[in-house]
Amino acid sequence: MTSRVQLGATAAPLPRAAWFAIFGVNSMALNQALTHSMLDRVGIMRGFSQEQVNALLVVCGLVNLLPAALAGLLQKRLNPARVALVAAPLQAILAVTITQSTSYIGYALAASVYATVLIFMHTFLFGLIARLDPSGRSLASTPAMMMTGSAIGPALAGAVAMRAGFGGLTMLAAVVGIAATLFFSLVARRAGAAAALPTI
């Protein structure tokens, strides 16, 4: 009898809120790949030296060691839906700064924390997805969510940059960021996450 109940739960359609969360994660993963794949080229084309760009990449690797640990400390205190609603537009703003900044300081500051936003958000949003879909199917697909954006992003970024320059890449990052924010706002509305979970 228990196996039949479990089978029925597994076969049930995914909640809409879970689908919106999946689309939001896909959008942020796409934005991450769009901008990060062009980080080196943007720096060189803006007139920064290869040594400056290489030093920035080292800093990015060091900074990215921190957000997962920080998220682990804060996961019981912050509302995951609100974290996502802040992370998505913040990621888009950083992407615009990276692609449009003409000063090395602005470019480097934005780039050094760019990946941090997505890494920090993971802990919160995947926990929320687990609550929205107790069957576990959504969580099982999280590698596919990340790889979808990683696979499409570099090719799409290169094609857009060749045809529309960095301005086109900026517009694309902004549009994807808006889409991610919209998906997460629908998650909060559908799941009632903002009311049911601890606030920031």
C-alpha atoms as a PDB file:
ATOM      1  CA  MET A   1       0.000   0.000   0.000  1.00  0.00           C
ATOM      2  CA  THR A   2       2.853   2.349   0.891  1.00  0.00           C
ATOM      3  CA  SER A   3       4.536   1.722  -2.458  1.00  0.00           C
ATOM      4  CA  ARG A   4       1.321   2.633  -4.272  1.00  0.00           C
ATOM      5  CA  VAL A   5       1.082   5.919  -2.366  1.00  0.00           C
ATOM      6  CA  GLN A   6       4.710   6.726  -3.173  1.00  0.00           C
ATOM      7  CA  LEU A   7       4.182   5.843  -6.825  1.00  0.00           C
ATOM      8  CA  GLY A   8       1.127   8.101  -6.974  1.00  0.00           C
ATOM      9  CA  ALA A   9       3.073  11.005  -5.463  1.00  0.00           C
ATOM     10  CA  THR A  10       5.910  10.481  -7.931  1.00  0.00           C
ATOM     11  CA  ALA A  11       3.533  10.374 -10.897  1.00  0.00           C
ATOM     12  CA  ALA A  12       1.691  13.540  -9.865  1.00  0.00           C
ATOM     13  CA  PRO A  13       2.425  16.668 -11.935  1.00  0.00           C
ATOM     14  CA  LEU A  14       5.034  19.044 -10.559  1.00  0.00           C
ATOM     15  CA  PRO A  15       3.571  22.088  -8.773  1.00  0.00           C
ATOM     16  CA  ARG A  16       3.613  25.251 -10.860  1.00  0.00           C
ATOM     17  CA  ALA A  17       5.736  26.991  -8.250  1.00  0.00           C
ATOM     18  CA  ALA A  18       8.392  24.294  -8.699  1.00  0.00           C
ATOM     19  CA  TRP A  19       8.337  24.825 -12.479  1.00  0.00           C
ATOM     20  CA  PHE A  20       8.752  28.580 -12.011  1.00  0.00           C
ATOM     21  CA  ALA A  21      11.686  27.962  -9.666  1.00  0.00           C
ATOM     22  CA  ILE A  22      13.289  25.657 -12.251  1.00  0.00           C
ATOM     23  CA  PHE A  23      12.867  28.277 -14.987  1.00  0.00           C
ATOM     24  CA  GLY A  24      14.328  30.917 -12.675  1.00  0.00           C
ATOM     25  CA  VAL A  25      17.398  28.802 -11.939  1.00  0.00           C
ATOM     26  CA  ASN A  26      17.813  28.077 -15.657  1.00  0.00           C
ATOM     27  CA  SER A  27      17.655  31.808 -16.402  1.00  0.00           C
ATOM     28  CA  MET A  28      20.280  32.675 -13.805  1.00  0.00           C
ATOM     29  CA  ALA A  29      22.543  29.846 -14.977  1.00  0.00           C
ATOM     30  CA  LEU A  30      22.193  31.169 -18.531  1.00  0.00           C
ATOM     31  CA  ASN A  31      23.064  34.701 -17.425  1.00  0.00           C
ATOM     32  CA  GLN A  32      26.073  33.376 -15.530  1.00  0.00           C
ATOM     33  CA  ALA A  33      27.375  31.585 -18.609  1.00  0.00           C
ATOM     34  CA  LEU A  34      26.595  34.499 -20.940  1.00  0.00           C
ATOM     35  CA  THR A  35      28.731  36.979 -19.046  1.00  0.00           C
ATOM     36  CA  HIS A  36      31.398  34.777 -17.519  1.00  0.00           C
ATOM     37  CA  SER A  37      32.266  33.203 -20.869  1.00  0.00           C
ATOM     38  CA  MET A  38      33.004  36.682 -22.240  1.00  0.00           C
ATOM     39  CA  LEU A  39      34.787  38.024 -19.143  1.00  0.00           C
ATOM     40  CA  ASP A  40      38.254  37.722 -20.634  1.00  0.00           C
ATOM     41  CA  ARG A  41      37.265  39.158 -24.030  1.00  0.00           C
ATOM     42  CA  VAL A  42      35.413  42.076 -22.471  1.00  0.00           C
ATOM     43  CA  GLY A  43      38.461  43.006 -20.401  1.00  0.00           C
ATOM     44  CA  ILE A  44      40.870  42.818 -23.328  1.00  0.00           C
ATOM     45  CA  MET A  45      38.557  44.742 -25.646  1.00  0.00           C
ATOM     46  CA  ARG A  46      38.172  47.462 -23.003  1.00  0.00           C
ATOM     47  CA  GLY A  47      41.936  47.971 -23.093  1.00  0.00           C
ATOM     48  CA  PHE A  48      42.897  46.139 -19.918  1.00  0.00           C
ATOM     49  CA  SER A  49      46.093  44.081 -20.042  1.00  0.00           C
ATOM     50  CA  GLN A  50      46.115  40.297 -20.055  1.00  0.00           C
ATOM     51  CA  GLU A  51      47.945  40.404 -16.715  1.00  0.00           C
ATOM     52  CA  GLN A  52      45.137  42.487 -15.191  1.00  0.00           C
ATOM     53  CA  VAL A  53      42.499  40.099 -16.500  1.00  0.00           C
ATOM     54  CA  ASN A  54      44.432  37.037 -15.283  1.00  0.00           C
ATOM     55  CA  ALA A  55      44.814  38.574 -11.825  1.00  0.00           C
ATOM     56  CA  LEU A  56      41.077  39.203 -11.732  1.00  0.00           C
ATOM     57  CA  LEU A  57      40.343  35.572 -12.578  1.00  0.00           C
ATOM     58  CA  VAL A  58      42.519  34.461  -9.660  1.00  0.00           C
ATOM     59  CA  VAL A  59      40.630  36.819  -7.343  1.00  0.00           C
ATOM     60  CA  CYS A  60      37.311  35.450  -8.628  1.00  0.00           C
ATOM     61  CA  GLY A  61      38.401  31.916  -7.723  1.00  0.00           C
ATOM     62  CA  LEU A  62      39.304  32.961  -4.190  1.00  0.00           C
ATOM     63  CA  VAL A  63      36.159  35.017  -3.606  1.00  0.00           C
ATOM     64  CA  ASN A  64      33.958  32.169  -4.827  1.00  0.00           C
ATOM     65  CA  LEU A  65      35.115  30.003  -1.908  1.00  0.00           C
ATOM     66  CA  LEU A  66      33.096  32.158   0.506  1.00  0.00           C
ATOM     67  CA  PRO A  67      29.427  32.322  -0.582  1.00  0.00           C
ATOM     68  CA  ALA A  68      28.534  28.652  -0.036  1.00  0.00           C
ATOM     69  CA  ALA A  69      29.794  28.756   3.562  1.00  0.00           C
ATOM     70  CA  LEU A  70      28.018  32.066   4.171  1.00  0.00           C
ATOM     71  CA  ALA A  71      24.774  30.694   2.752  1.00  0.00           C
ATOM     72  CA  GLY A  72      25.066  27.677   5.048  1.00  0.00           C
ATOM     73  CA  LEU A  73      25.275  29.978   8.046  1.00  0.00           C
ATOM     74  CA  LEU A  74      22.312  32.094   6.966  1.00  0.00           C
ATOM     75  CA  GLN A  75      19.969  29.512   5.453  1.00  0.00           C
ATOM     76  CA  LYS A  76      17.806  29.318   8.588  1.00  0.00           C
ATOM     77  CA  ARG A  77      17.489  33.096   8.863  1.00  0.00           C
ATOM     78  CA  LEU A  78      16.745  34.287   5.327  1.00  0.00           C
ATOM     79  CA  ASN A  79      13.657  33.785   3.209  1.00  0.00           C
ATOM     80  CA  PRO A  80      14.732  31.775   0.109  1.00  0.00           C
ATOM     81  CA  ALA A  81      12.171  33.386  -2.189  1.00  0.00           C
ATOM     82  CA  ARG A  82      13.329  36.854  -1.194  1.00  0.00           C
ATOM     83  CA  VAL A  83      16.962  35.855  -1.609  1.00  0.00           C
ATOM     84  CA  ALA A  84      16.156  34.780  -5.179  1.00  0.00           C
ATOM     85  CA  LEU A  85      14.216  37.999  -5.828  1.00  0.00           C
ATOM     86  CA  VAL A  86      17.288  40.005  -4.809  1.00  0.00           C
ATOM     87  CA  ALA A  87      19.828  37.723  -6.498  1.00  0.00           C
ATOM     88  CA  ALA A  88      18.283  37.731  -9.977  1.00  0.00           C
ATOM     89  CA  PRO A  89      18.255  41.529 -10.587  1.00  0.00           C
ATOM     90  CA  LEU A  90      21.598  41.905  -8.766  1.00  0.00           C
ATOM     91  CA  GLN A  91      23.156  39.382 -11.123  1.00  0.00           C
ATOM     92  CA  ALA A  92      21.792  41.309 -14.112  1.00  0.00           C
ATOM     93  CA  ILE A  93      23.115  44.625 -12.744  1.00  0.00           C
ATOM     94  CA  LEU A  94      26.572  43.122 -12.279  1.00  0.00           C
ATOM     95  CA  ALA A  95      26.464  41.706 -15.810  1.00  0.00           C
ATOM     96  CA  VAL A  96      25.617  45.143 -17.213  1.00  0.00           C
ATOM     97  CA  THR A  97      28.449  46.675 -15.182  1.00  0.00           C
ATOM     98  CA  ILE A  98      30.945  44.102 -16.455  1.00  0.00           C
ATOM     99  CA  THR A  99      30.036  44.560 -20.103  1.00  0.00           C
ATOM    100  CA  GLN A 100      29.710  48.344 -20.019  1.00  0.00           C
ATOM    101  CA  SER A 101      32.337  49.540 -17.535  1.00  0.00           C
ATOM    102  CA  THR A 102      35.266  51.405 -19.091  1.00  0.00           C
ATOM    103  CA  SER A 103      37.278  51.551 -15.849  1.00  0.00           C
ATOM    104  CA  TYR A 104      39.212  48.559 -14.580  1.00  0.00           C
ATOM    105  CA  ILE A 105      38.058  49.130 -11.002  1.00  0.00           C
ATOM    106  CA  GLY A 106      34.359  48.958 -11.904  1.00  0.00           C
ATOM    107  CA  TYR A 107      34.898  45.975 -14.194  1.00  0.00           C
ATOM    108  CA  ALA A 108      36.992  44.125 -11.599  1.00  0.00           C
ATOM    109  CA  LEU A 109      34.675  44.789  -8.644  1.00  0.00           C
ATOM    110  CA  ALA A 110      31.613  43.565 -10.541  1.00  0.00           C
ATOM    111  CA  ALA A 111      33.396  40.542 -12.003  1.00  0.00           C
ATOM    112  CA  SER A 112      34.936  39.461  -8.691  1.00  0.00           C
ATOM    113  CA  VAL A 113      31.521  38.975  -7.053  1.00  0.00           C
ATOM    114  CA  TYR A 114      29.512  38.030 -10.148  1.00  0.00           C
ATOM    115  CA  ALA A 115      29.567  34.254  -9.661  1.00  0.00           C
ATOM    116  CA  THR A 116      29.130  34.721  -5.908  1.00  0.00           C
ATOM    117  CA  VAL A 117      25.501  35.754  -6.398  1.00  0.00           C
ATOM    118  CA  LEU A 118      24.515  32.494  -8.087  1.00  0.00           C
ATOM    119  CA  ILE A 119      26.536  30.324  -5.685  1.00  0.00           C
ATOM    120  CA  PHE A 120      24.993  32.022  -2.656  1.00  0.00           C
ATOM    121  CA  MET A 121      21.465  31.658  -4.029  1.00  0.00           C
ATOM    122  CA  HIS A 122      21.808  27.908  -4.704  1.00  0.00           C
ATOM    123  CA  THR A 123      21.606  26.853  -1.077  1.00  0.00           C
ATOM    124  CA  PHE A 124      18.404  28.782  -0.503  1.00  0.00           C
ATOM    125  CA  LEU A 125      16.572  28.041  -3.730  1.00  0.00           C
ATOM    126  CA  PHE A 126      17.281  24.335  -3.887  1.00  0.00           C
ATOM    127  CA  GLY A 127      15.992  24.040  -0.346  1.00  0.00           C
ATOM    128  CA  LEU A 128      12.830  25.834  -1.425  1.00  0.00           C
ATOM    129  CA  ILE A 129      12.445  23.558  -4.458  1.00  0.00           C
ATOM    130  CA  ALA A 130      12.668  20.547  -2.148  1.00  0.00           C
ATOM    131  CA  ARG A 131       9.741  21.944  -0.136  1.00  0.00           C
ATOM    132  CA  LEU A 132       7.698  22.727  -3.228  1.00  0.00           C
ATOM    133  CA  ASP A 133       8.203  19.261  -4.725  1.00  0.00           C
ATOM    134  CA  PRO A 134       8.405  16.559  -2.021  1.00  0.00           C
ATOM    135  CA  SER A 135       8.754  13.854  -4.712  1.00  0.00           C
ATOM    136  CA  GLY A 136      12.377  14.912  -5.241  1.00  0.00           C
ATOM    137  CA  ARG A 137      12.099  14.986  -9.030  1.00  0.00           C
ATOM    138  CA  SER A 138      12.872  18.697  -9.256  1.00  0.00           C
ATOM    139  CA  LEU A 139      15.993  18.385  -7.114  1.00  0.00           C
ATOM    140  CA  ALA A 140      17.134  15.419  -9.185  1.00  0.00           C
ATOM    141  CA  SER A 141      17.066  17.674 -12.243  1.00  0.00           C
ATOM    142  CA  THR A 142      19.229  20.426 -10.736  1.00  0.00           C
ATOM    143  CA  PRO A 143      22.376  19.337 -12.617  1.00  0.00           C
ATOM    144  CA  ALA A 144      20.401  19.611 -15.839  1.00  0.00           C
ATOM    145  CA  MET A 145      19.197  23.115 -14.824  1.00  0.00           C
ATOM    146  CA  MET A 146      22.772  24.310 -14.413  1.00  0.00           C
ATOM    147  CA  MET A 147      24.171  22.529 -17.457  1.00  0.00           C
ATOM    148  CA  THR A 148      21.445  23.870 -19.728  1.00  0.00           C
ATOM    149  CA  GLY A 149      22.566  27.426 -19.099  1.00  0.00           C
ATOM    150  CA  SER A 150      26.244  26.511 -19.184  1.00  0.00           C
ATOM    151  CA  ALA A 151      25.848  24.757 -22.528  1.00  0.00           C
ATOM    152  CA  ILE A 152      23.813  27.453 -24.268  1.00  0.00           C
ATOM    153  CA  GLY A 153      25.400  30.552 -22.714  1.00  0.00           C
ATOM    154  CA  PRO A 154      28.872  30.676 -24.306  1.00  0.00           C
ATOM    155  CA  ALA A 155      27.651  30.017 -27.850  1.00  0.00           C
ATOM    156  CA  LEU A 156      24.792  32.486 -27.471  1.00  0.00           C
ATOM    157  CA  ALA A 157      27.100  35.128 -25.960  1.00  0.00           C
ATOM    158  CA  GLY A 158      29.584  34.758 -28.808  1.00  0.00           C
ATOM    159  CA  ALA A 159      26.884  34.993 -31.470  1.00  0.00           C
ATOM    160  CA  VAL A 160      25.317  38.091 -29.901  1.00  0.00           C
ATOM    161  CA  ALA A 161      28.668  39.807 -29.339  1.00  0.00           C
ATOM    162  CA  MET A 162      29.704  39.236 -32.957  1.00  0.00           C
ATOM    163  CA  ARG A 163      26.467  40.670 -34.349  1.00  0.00           C
ATOM    164  CA  ALA A 164      25.537  43.361 -31.810  1.00  0.00           C
ATOM    165  CA  GLY A 165      28.706  43.951 -29.816  1.00  0.00           C
ATOM    166  CA  PHE A 166      28.869  44.203 -26.055  1.00  0.00           C
ATOM    167  CA  GLY A 167      25.779  46.418 -26.125  1.00  0.00           C
ATOM    168  CA  GLY A 168      23.773  43.491 -27.422  1.00  0.00           C
ATOM    169  CA  LEU A 169      25.238  41.263 -24.728  1.00  0.00           C
ATOM    170  CA  THR A 170      24.210  43.829 -22.126  1.00  0.00           C
ATOM    171  CA  MET A 171      20.641  43.900 -23.399  1.00  0.00           C
ATOM    172  CA  LEU A 172      20.450  40.111 -23.437  1.00  0.00           C
ATOM    173  CA  ALA A 173      21.731  39.854 -19.860  1.00  0.00           C
ATOM    174  CA  ALA A 174      19.170  42.448 -18.748  1.00  0.00           C
ATOM    175  CA  VAL A 175      16.302  40.607 -20.461  1.00  0.00           C
ATOM    176  CA  VAL A 176      17.308  37.251 -18.968  1.00  0.00           C
ATOM    177  CA  GLY A 177      17.654  38.889 -15.547  1.00  0.00           C
ATOM    178  CA  ILE A 178      14.164  40.357 -15.823  1.00  0.00           C
ATOM    179  CA  ALA A 179      12.804  36.929 -16.803  1.00  0.00           C
ATOM    180  CA  ALA A 180      14.501  35.292 -13.797  1.00  0.00           C
ATOM    181  CA  THR A 181      13.089  37.940 -11.465  1.00  0.00           C
ATOM    182  CA  LEU A 182       9.612  37.390 -12.882  1.00  0.00           C
ATOM    183  CA  PHE A 183       9.838  33.627 -12.405  1.00  0.00           C
ATOM    184  CA  PHE A 184      10.942  34.021  -8.791  1.00  0.00           C
ATOM    185  CA  SER A 185       8.164  36.515  -8.086  1.00  0.00           C
ATOM    186  CA  LEU A 186       5.708  33.904  -9.349  1.00  0.00           C
ATOM    187  CA  VAL A 187       7.345  31.317  -7.069  1.00  0.00           C
ATOM    188  CA  ALA A 188       6.832  33.600  -4.061  1.00  0.00           C
ATOM    189  CA  ARG A 189       3.235  34.273  -5.039  1.00  0.00           C
ATOM    190  CA  ARG A 190       2.304  30.659  -5.803  1.00  0.00           C
ATOM    191  CA  ALA A 191       4.048  29.098  -2.846  1.00  0.00           C
ATOM    192  CA  GLY A 192       3.221  31.821  -0.365  1.00  0.00           C
ATOM    193  CA  ALA A 193       6.902  31.632   0.541  1.00  0.00           C
ATOM    194  CA  ALA A 194       7.214  35.245   1.602  1.00  0.00           C
ATOM    195  CA  ALA A 195       4.527  34.810   4.244  1.00  0.00           C
ATOM    196  CA  ALA A 196       5.327  31.274   5.396  1.00  0.00           C
ATOM    197  CA  LEU A 197       9.108  31.520   5.829  1.00  0.00           C
ATOM    198  CA  PRO A 198      11.361  33.726   7.961  1.00  0.00           C
ATOM    199  CA  THR A 199      11.905  37.207   6.573  1.00  0.00           C
ATOM    200  CA  ILE A 200      15.200  38.921   5.864  1.00  0.00           C
END
